[in-house]
Amino acid sequence: MFAVIKTGAKQYKVAVGDVIKVEKLDGEAGATVTLDEVLMVGDDKGVKVGTPTVSGTTVTAEILEQGRAAKIIVFKKKRRQNYRRKAGHRQEQTVLRITEIGKAAAKKAAPKKAAPKKAAPKKAAEKKAAPKKTAAAKKPAAKKTASKTKEK
């Protein structure tokens, strides 16, 4: 049995017992990781392709080590321009051993909680105590005076 999984924006074809290097995943060495993005599963009966993933199928793997890949040198140059840039990069990576390809464990449904009680309506006395604003309380708007223009 094999599966095609997606992790770290890359796809890997894996089988039980395979050791692969992927982009960094959280966890310590010896921990178990469940990879849910299974794109395809195949066995002697046939192949099942997901749209985009195969629902209800997961791949379980054990973390062997956390490390860094070999250094990659990035060198940029433009001729006759005295332009040279040199930089290096080491990608964080995780080494995994595939332990199981199969159905996802059925998750237990959370027990339903009782509906929350509605808040008690406000007392009528509280509503009446709030002062009401009236239109008469506002000051009248200031009147604009017409400006005189000079006549020639």
N, C-alpha and C. Protein backbone atom coordinates (compact mmCIF):
# COMPACT_ATOMS: atom_id res chain seq x y z
N MET A 1 0.85 -1.18 0.00
CA MET A 1 0.00 0.00 0.00
C MET A 1 0.88 1.23 0.00
N PHE A 2 0.46 2.24 -0.77
CA PHE A 2 1.20 3.50 -0.81
C PHE A 2 0.22 4.66 -0.74
N ALA A 3 0.77 5.84 -0.48
CA ALA A 3 -0.05 7.04 -0.43
C ALA A 3 0.78 8.21 -0.94
N VAL A 4 0.09 9.21 -1.48
CA VAL A 4 0.73 10.46 -1.86
C VAL A 4 0.23 11.50 -0.87
N ILE A 5 1.17 12.09 -0.13
CA ILE A 5 0.81 13.07 0.90
C ILE A 5 1.36 14.44 0.52
N LYS A 6 0.78 15.47 1.10
CA LYS A 6 1.24 16.84 0.88
C LYS A 6 1.61 17.44 2.23
N THR A 7 2.84 17.93 2.33
CA THR A 7 3.28 18.63 3.52
C THR A 7 4.38 19.61 3.12
N GLY A 8 4.32 20.81 3.68
CA GLY A 8 5.33 21.81 3.37
C GLY A 8 5.33 22.22 1.91
N ALA A 9 4.17 22.29 1.26
CA ALA A 9 4.01 22.69 -0.14
C ALA A 9 4.69 21.73 -1.11
N LYS A 10 4.97 20.52 -0.66
CA LYS A 10 5.56 19.49 -1.52
C LYS A 10 4.75 18.21 -1.38
N GLN A 11 4.85 17.33 -2.37
CA GLN A 11 4.13 16.07 -2.35
C GLN A 11 5.14 14.93 -2.30
N TYR A 12 4.79 13.88 -1.53
CA TYR A 12 5.68 12.74 -1.35
C TYR A 12 4.89 11.46 -1.54
N LYS A 13 5.48 10.49 -2.28
CA LYS A 13 4.88 9.16 -2.38
C LYS A 13 5.54 8.31 -1.30
N VAL A 14 4.71 7.78 -0.39
CA VAL A 14 5.24 7.05 0.76
C VAL A 14 4.58 5.69 0.89
N ALA A 15 5.28 4.80 1.55
CA ALA A 15 4.76 3.48 1.91
C ALA A 15 5.18 3.23 3.36
N VAL A 16 4.57 2.23 3.98
CA VAL A 16 4.89 1.93 5.37
C VAL A 16 6.37 1.53 5.46
N GLY A 17 7.10 2.15 6.40
CA GLY A 17 8.52 1.87 6.60
C GLY A 17 9.44 2.85 5.89
N ASP A 18 8.93 3.70 5.01
CA ASP A 18 9.77 4.67 4.31
C ASP A 18 10.28 5.75 5.27
N VAL A 19 11.49 6.25 4.98
CA VAL A 19 12.06 7.36 5.74
C VAL A 19 12.17 8.53 4.76
N ILE A 20 11.54 9.66 5.12
CA ILE A 20 11.55 10.83 4.24
C ILE A 20 11.99 12.06 5.01
N LYS A 21 12.52 13.04 4.27
CA LYS A 21 12.89 14.33 4.85
C LYS A 21 11.91 15.36 4.34
N VAL A 22 11.24 16.05 5.26
CA VAL A 22 10.24 17.06 4.90
C VAL A 22 10.60 18.38 5.57
N GLU A 23 9.92 19.46 5.16
CA GLU A 23 10.14 20.74 5.83
C GLU A 23 9.72 20.62 7.28
N LYS A 24 10.28 21.46 8.13
CA LYS A 24 10.14 21.34 9.57
C LYS A 24 8.70 21.21 10.04
N LEU A 25 8.47 20.20 10.89
CA LEU A 25 7.20 19.98 11.57
C LEU A 25 7.45 20.10 13.07
N ASP A 26 6.45 20.56 13.81
CA ASP A 26 6.58 20.69 15.26
C ASP A 26 6.61 19.31 15.90
N GLY A 27 7.44 19.15 16.92
CA GLY A 27 7.51 17.90 17.66
C GLY A 27 8.94 17.51 17.96
N GLU A 28 9.09 16.71 18.99
CA GLU A 28 10.40 16.22 19.40
C GLU A 28 10.67 14.87 18.74
N ALA A 29 11.93 14.45 18.75
CA ALA A 29 12.30 13.15 18.22
C ALA A 29 11.58 12.06 19.03
N GLY A 30 10.98 11.11 18.36
CA GLY A 30 10.24 10.05 19.02
C GLY A 30 8.74 10.30 19.07
N ALA A 31 8.32 11.51 18.79
CA ALA A 31 6.89 11.84 18.80
C ALA A 31 6.21 11.31 17.53
N THR A 32 4.89 11.18 17.59
CA THR A 32 4.11 10.70 16.46
C THR A 32 3.38 11.88 15.82
N VAL A 33 3.39 11.90 14.49
CA VAL A 33 2.74 12.97 13.72
C VAL A 33 1.69 12.35 12.81
N THR A 34 0.53 13.00 12.71
CA THR A 34 -0.51 12.55 11.81
C THR A 34 -0.60 13.52 10.65
N LEU A 35 -0.45 13.01 9.43
CA LEU A 35 -0.52 13.83 8.23
C LEU A 35 -1.89 13.61 7.60
N ASP A 36 -2.71 14.68 7.55
CA ASP A 36 -4.09 14.56 7.10
C ASP A 36 -4.28 14.82 5.62
N GLU A 37 -3.37 15.51 4.98
CA GLU A 37 -3.53 15.83 3.56
C GLU A 37 -3.04 14.68 2.70
N VAL A 38 -3.90 13.67 2.52
CA VAL A 38 -3.60 12.51 1.70
C VAL A 38 -4.27 12.73 0.35
N LEU A 39 -3.48 12.85 -0.71
CA LEU A 39 -4.00 13.16 -2.03
C LEU A 39 -4.41 11.91 -2.80
N MET A 40 -3.74 10.78 -2.51
CA MET A 40 -4.05 9.55 -3.24
C MET A 40 -3.63 8.34 -2.41
N VAL A 41 -4.40 7.27 -2.49
CA VAL A 41 -4.08 6.02 -1.80
C VAL A 41 -4.18 4.90 -2.82
N GLY A 42 -3.19 4.02 -2.81
CA GLY A 42 -3.20 2.90 -3.74
C GLY A 42 -2.82 1.60 -3.05
N ASP A 43 -3.42 0.50 -3.50
CA ASP A 43 -3.06 -0.83 -3.01
C ASP A 43 -3.29 -1.83 -4.14
N ASP A 44 -3.23 -3.14 -3.84
CA ASP A 44 -3.38 -4.14 -4.89
C ASP A 44 -4.79 -4.16 -5.50
N LYS A 45 -5.77 -3.60 -4.81
CA LYS A 45 -7.14 -3.56 -5.32
C LYS A 45 -7.33 -2.43 -6.33
N GLY A 46 -6.61 -1.32 -6.17
CA GLY A 46 -6.75 -0.19 -7.07
C GLY A 46 -6.25 1.08 -6.43
N VAL A 47 -6.56 2.19 -7.09
CA VAL A 47 -6.09 3.49 -6.64
C VAL A 47 -7.31 4.37 -6.35
N LYS A 48 -7.23 5.11 -5.25
CA LYS A 48 -8.29 6.04 -4.88
C LYS A 48 -7.69 7.44 -4.87
N VAL A 49 -8.22 8.30 -5.74
CA VAL A 49 -7.71 9.66 -5.88
C VAL A 49 -8.69 10.61 -5.20
N GLY A 50 -8.16 11.53 -4.42
CA GLY A 50 -9.00 12.48 -3.70
C GLY A 50 -9.33 13.70 -4.54
N THR A 51 -10.35 14.43 -4.09
CA THR A 51 -10.75 15.66 -4.78
C THR A 51 -10.87 16.80 -3.78
N PRO A 52 -9.89 17.47 -3.32
CA PRO A 52 -8.46 17.30 -3.56
C PRO A 52 -7.81 16.28 -2.63
N THR A 53 -8.46 15.93 -1.49
CA THR A 53 -7.87 14.94 -0.59
C THR A 53 -8.81 13.77 -0.42
N VAL A 54 -8.25 12.64 -0.01
CA VAL A 54 -9.05 11.46 0.28
C VAL A 54 -9.59 11.62 1.69
N SER A 55 -10.91 11.75 1.80
CA SER A 55 -11.50 12.00 3.12
C SER A 55 -11.44 10.74 3.98
N GLY A 56 -11.18 10.92 5.26
CA GLY A 56 -11.15 9.81 6.20
C GLY A 56 -9.88 9.00 6.18
N THR A 57 -8.85 9.43 5.47
CA THR A 57 -7.59 8.69 5.41
C THR A 57 -6.46 9.56 5.95
N THR A 58 -5.63 8.96 6.79
CA THR A 58 -4.48 9.68 7.33
C THR A 58 -3.23 8.82 7.23
N VAL A 59 -2.09 9.48 7.32
CA VAL A 59 -0.80 8.79 7.35
C VAL A 59 -0.15 9.14 8.68
N THR A 60 0.27 8.12 9.42
CA THR A 60 0.92 8.32 10.71
C THR A 60 2.41 8.09 10.55
N ALA A 61 3.20 8.99 11.13
CA ALA A 61 4.65 8.90 11.02
C ALA A 61 5.30 9.20 12.36
N GLU A 62 6.50 8.69 12.53
CA GLU A 62 7.29 8.92 13.74
C GLU A 62 8.43 9.86 13.40
N ILE A 63 8.67 10.86 14.24
CA ILE A 63 9.76 11.80 14.02
C ILE A 63 11.06 11.14 14.48
N LEU A 64 12.00 11.01 13.55
CA LEU A 64 13.30 10.43 13.89
C LEU A 64 14.27 11.50 14.38
N GLU A 65 14.30 12.64 13.69
CA GLU A 65 15.19 13.73 14.12
C GLU A 65 14.76 15.06 13.51
N GLN A 66 15.17 16.13 14.17
CA GLN A 66 15.00 17.49 13.66
C GLN A 66 16.38 17.98 13.28
N GLY A 67 16.53 18.58 12.13
CA GLY A 67 17.86 19.02 11.73
C GLY A 67 17.79 20.09 10.67
N ARG A 68 18.94 20.29 10.03
CA ARG A 68 19.03 21.28 8.96
C ARG A 68 19.66 20.64 7.74
N ALA A 69 19.21 21.04 6.58
CA ALA A 69 19.73 20.51 5.33
C ALA A 69 21.10 21.14 5.03
N ALA A 70 21.73 20.66 3.97
CA ALA A 70 23.02 21.20 3.57
C ALA A 70 22.85 22.66 3.13
N LYS A 71 23.93 23.43 3.24
CA LYS A 71 23.87 24.85 2.89
C LYS A 71 23.77 25.03 1.38
N ILE A 72 22.90 25.95 0.99
CA ILE A 72 22.76 26.32 -0.40
C ILE A 72 23.32 27.73 -0.56
N ILE A 73 24.22 27.93 -1.53
CA ILE A 73 24.81 29.24 -1.78
C ILE A 73 24.00 29.93 -2.88
N VAL A 74 23.59 31.17 -2.58
CA VAL A 74 22.87 31.98 -3.57
C VAL A 74 23.83 33.08 -3.99
N PHE A 75 24.21 33.10 -5.27
CA PHE A 75 25.16 34.08 -5.77
C PHE A 75 24.54 34.81 -6.94
N LYS A 76 24.46 36.14 -6.84
CA LYS A 76 23.90 36.97 -7.91
C LYS A 76 25.01 37.84 -8.46
N LYS A 77 25.03 37.99 -9.78
CA LYS A 77 26.07 38.81 -10.39
C LYS A 77 25.53 39.43 -11.67
N LYS A 78 25.89 40.69 -11.89
CA LYS A 78 25.61 41.35 -13.16
C LYS A 78 26.95 41.78 -13.73
N ARG A 79 27.27 41.32 -14.91
CA ARG A 79 28.59 41.61 -15.46
C ARG A 79 28.76 43.09 -15.79
N ARG A 80 29.97 43.53 -15.64
CA ARG A 80 30.38 44.91 -15.90
C ARG A 80 29.61 45.95 -15.08
N GLN A 81 28.96 45.56 -14.01
CA GLN A 81 28.22 46.51 -13.18
C GLN A 81 28.76 46.57 -11.75
N ASN A 82 29.79 45.79 -11.46
CA ASN A 82 30.34 45.67 -10.11
C ASN A 82 29.23 45.31 -9.11
N TYR A 83 28.36 44.38 -9.53
CA TYR A 83 27.25 43.94 -8.69
C TYR A 83 27.45 42.46 -8.38
N ARG A 84 27.73 42.16 -7.12
CA ARG A 84 27.88 40.77 -6.68
C ARG A 84 27.24 40.65 -5.31
N ARG A 85 26.39 39.64 -5.12
CA ARG A 85 25.75 39.38 -3.83
C ARG A 85 25.88 37.89 -3.54
N LYS A 86 26.30 37.58 -2.34
CA LYS A 86 26.45 36.19 -1.95
C LYS A 86 25.69 35.96 -0.65
N ALA A 87 24.84 34.95 -0.62
CA ALA A 87 24.07 34.63 0.58
C ALA A 87 23.96 33.12 0.68
N GLY A 88 23.77 32.64 1.89
CA GLY A 88 23.59 31.21 2.11
C GLY A 88 22.28 30.93 2.81
N HIS A 89 21.82 29.69 2.68
CA HIS A 89 20.56 29.30 3.32
C HIS A 89 20.64 27.84 3.73
N ARG A 90 20.18 27.53 4.96
CA ARG A 90 20.06 26.14 5.41
C ARG A 90 18.62 25.93 5.83
N GLN A 91 17.93 25.04 5.14
CA GLN A 91 16.51 24.78 5.40
C GLN A 91 16.35 23.87 6.62
N GLU A 92 15.43 24.25 7.52
CA GLU A 92 15.08 23.38 8.65
C GLU A 92 14.31 22.18 8.11
N GLN A 93 14.60 20.98 8.60
CA GLN A 93 13.91 19.80 8.11
C GLN A 93 13.66 18.80 9.22
N THR A 94 12.69 17.92 8.97
CA THR A 94 12.32 16.87 9.90
C THR A 94 12.44 15.54 9.16
N VAL A 95 13.03 14.55 9.81
CA VAL A 95 13.14 13.21 9.23
C VAL A 95 12.03 12.35 9.82
N LEU A 96 11.19 11.77 8.95
CA LEU A 96 10.04 10.97 9.38
C LEU A 96 10.17 9.54 8.92
N ARG A 97 9.64 8.61 9.73
CA ARG A 97 9.49 7.21 9.32
C ARG A 97 7.98 6.94 9.29
N ILE A 98 7.47 6.51 8.15
CA ILE A 98 6.05 6.25 7.98
C ILE A 98 5.72 4.95 8.71
N THR A 99 4.74 5.01 9.63
CA THR A 99 4.38 3.83 10.42
C THR A 99 3.05 3.23 10.01
N GLU A 100 2.14 4.05 9.49
CA GLU A 100 0.81 3.51 9.16
C GLU A 100 0.13 4.38 8.11
N ILE A 101 -0.57 3.70 7.20
CA ILE A 101 -1.42 4.37 6.22
C ILE A 101 -2.79 3.76 6.39
N GLY A 102 -3.77 4.57 6.73
CA GLY A 102 -5.09 3.98 6.93
C GLY A 102 -6.14 5.00 7.25
N LYS A 103 -7.24 4.47 7.73
CA LYS A 103 -8.40 5.30 8.06
C LYS A 103 -8.09 6.16 9.28
N ALA A 104 -8.74 7.31 9.32
CA ALA A 104 -8.60 8.20 10.47
C ALA A 104 -9.38 7.61 11.63
N ALA A 105 -8.88 7.80 12.82
CA ALA A 105 -9.59 7.34 14.01
C ALA A 105 -10.89 8.12 14.13
N ALA A 106 -11.96 7.42 14.42
CA ALA A 106 -13.26 8.08 14.55
C ALA A 106 -13.22 9.01 15.76
N LYS A 107 -13.57 10.24 15.54
CA LYS A 107 -13.57 11.20 16.64
C LYS A 107 -14.90 11.10 17.37
N LYS A 108 -14.81 11.12 18.68
CA LYS A 108 -16.03 11.07 19.48
C LYS A 108 -16.71 12.42 19.41
N ALA A 109 -18.02 12.37 19.25
CA ALA A 109 -18.78 13.62 19.20
C ALA A 109 -18.82 14.23 20.59
N ALA A 110 -18.65 15.52 20.66
CA ALA A 110 -18.69 16.21 21.94
C ALA A 110 -20.10 16.15 22.49
N PRO A 111 -20.25 15.93 23.79
CA PRO A 111 -21.61 15.90 24.34
C PRO A 111 -22.26 17.26 24.18
N LYS A 112 -23.55 17.19 23.84
CA LYS A 112 -24.28 18.44 23.63
C LYS A 112 -24.53 19.11 24.98
N LYS A 113 -24.29 20.39 25.00
CA LYS A 113 -24.52 21.14 26.22
C LYS A 113 -25.93 21.71 26.19
N ALA A 114 -26.47 21.95 27.36
CA ALA A 114 -27.80 22.55 27.43
C ALA A 114 -27.74 23.96 26.85
N ALA A 115 -28.84 24.37 26.26
CA ALA A 115 -28.88 25.70 25.65
C ALA A 115 -28.67 26.76 26.73
N PRO A 116 -27.87 27.77 26.45
CA PRO A 116 -27.63 28.81 27.45
C PRO A 116 -28.93 29.56 27.74
N LYS A 117 -29.08 29.91 29.01
CA LYS A 117 -30.28 30.63 29.41
C LYS A 117 -30.21 32.06 28.91
N LYS A 118 -31.37 32.56 28.53
CA LYS A 118 -31.43 33.93 28.04
C LYS A 118 -31.32 34.88 29.22
N ALA A 119 -30.76 36.04 28.97
CA ALA A 119 -30.61 37.03 30.02
C ALA A 119 -31.99 37.54 30.45
N ALA A 120 -32.13 37.79 31.72
CA ALA A 120 -33.42 38.27 32.24
C ALA A 120 -33.70 39.65 31.66
N PRO A 121 -34.96 39.92 31.31
CA PRO A 121 -35.29 41.23 30.74
C PRO A 121 -35.05 42.33 31.77
N LYS A 122 -34.68 43.50 31.28
CA LYS A 122 -34.40 44.63 32.17
C LYS A 122 -35.69 45.07 32.86
N LYS A 123 -35.52 45.52 34.04
CA LYS A 123 -36.67 45.98 34.81
C LYS A 123 -37.20 47.27 34.20
N ALA A 124 -38.49 47.45 34.31
CA ALA A 124 -39.13 48.64 33.75
C ALA A 124 -38.62 49.91 34.43
N ALA A 125 -38.27 49.82 35.71
CA ALA A 125 -37.80 50.99 36.44
C ALA A 125 -36.47 51.48 35.86
N GLU A 126 -35.61 50.56 35.43
CA GLU A 126 -34.33 50.95 34.87
C GLU A 126 -34.52 51.69 33.56
N LYS A 127 -35.49 51.27 32.78
CA LYS A 127 -35.75 51.92 31.50
C LYS A 127 -36.26 53.35 31.71
N LYS A 128 -37.12 53.54 32.69
CA LYS A 128 -37.70 54.86 32.93
C LYS A 128 -36.68 55.82 33.54
N ALA A 129 -35.71 55.31 34.24
CA ALA A 129 -34.74 56.16 34.93
C ALA A 129 -33.82 56.90 33.95
N ALA A 130 -33.65 56.38 32.75
CA ALA A 130 -32.76 57.03 31.79
C ALA A 130 -33.38 58.32 31.31
N PRO A 131 -32.64 59.45 31.36
CA PRO A 131 -33.21 60.73 30.91
C PRO A 131 -33.37 60.72 29.39
N LYS A 132 -34.45 61.33 28.94
CA LYS A 132 -34.70 61.42 27.51
C LYS A 132 -34.28 62.79 27.02
N LYS A 133 -33.69 62.82 25.87
CA LYS A 133 -33.28 64.08 25.27
C LYS A 133 -34.43 64.58 24.40
N THR A 134 -34.68 65.86 24.47
CA THR A 134 -35.76 66.42 23.66
C THR A 134 -35.17 67.40 22.65
N ALA A 135 -35.94 67.69 21.62
CA ALA A 135 -35.48 68.60 20.59
C ALA A 135 -35.35 70.02 21.12
N ALA A 136 -36.13 70.38 22.12
CA ALA A 136 -36.10 71.73 22.67
C ALA A 136 -34.79 72.01 23.40
N ALA A 137 -34.14 71.01 23.89
CA ALA A 137 -32.92 71.19 24.66
C ALA A 137 -31.76 71.65 23.78
N LYS A 138 -31.85 71.43 22.47
CA LYS A 138 -30.76 71.82 21.58
C LYS A 138 -30.77 73.31 21.35
N LYS A 139 -29.60 73.89 21.19
CA LYS A 139 -29.48 75.32 20.91
C LYS A 139 -29.80 75.53 19.43
N PRO A 140 -30.44 76.64 19.12
CA PRO A 140 -30.72 76.91 17.71
C PRO A 140 -29.42 77.21 16.97
N ALA A 141 -29.39 76.87 15.71
CA ALA A 141 -28.19 77.09 14.91
C ALA A 141 -27.98 78.58 14.69
N ALA A 142 -26.73 79.02 14.66
CA ALA A 142 -26.42 80.44 14.46
C ALA A 142 -26.78 80.83 13.04
N LYS A 143 -27.37 82.02 12.89
CA LYS A 143 -27.77 82.49 11.57
C LYS A 143 -26.58 83.10 10.87
N LYS A 144 -26.49 82.83 9.60
CA LYS A 144 -25.39 83.39 8.83
C LYS A 144 -25.83 84.74 8.29
N THR A 145 -24.93 85.70 8.34
CA THR A 145 -25.25 87.03 7.81
C THR A 145 -24.77 87.10 6.38
N ALA A 146 -25.51 87.78 5.58
CA ALA A 146 -25.15 87.94 4.18
C ALA A 146 -23.95 88.87 4.07
N SER A 147 -22.99 88.51 3.28
CA SER A 147 -21.80 89.35 3.12
C SER A 147 -22.07 90.42 2.06
N LYS A 148 -21.60 91.62 2.32
CA LYS A 148 -21.81 92.73 1.40
C LYS A 148 -20.69 92.72 0.37
N THR A 149 -21.08 92.88 -0.87
CA THR A 149 -20.08 92.94 -1.93
C THR A 149 -19.93 94.38 -2.38
N LYS A 150 -18.75 94.73 -2.78
CA LYS A 150 -18.48 96.11 -3.21
C LYS A 150 -18.97 96.28 -4.65
N GLU A 151 -19.68 97.36 -4.87
CA GLU A 151 -20.16 97.67 -6.21
C GLU A 151 -19.32 98.75 -6.80
N LYS A 152 -19.06 98.68 -8.07
CA LYS A 152 -18.23 99.68 -8.74
C LYS A 152 -19.06 100.62 -9.55
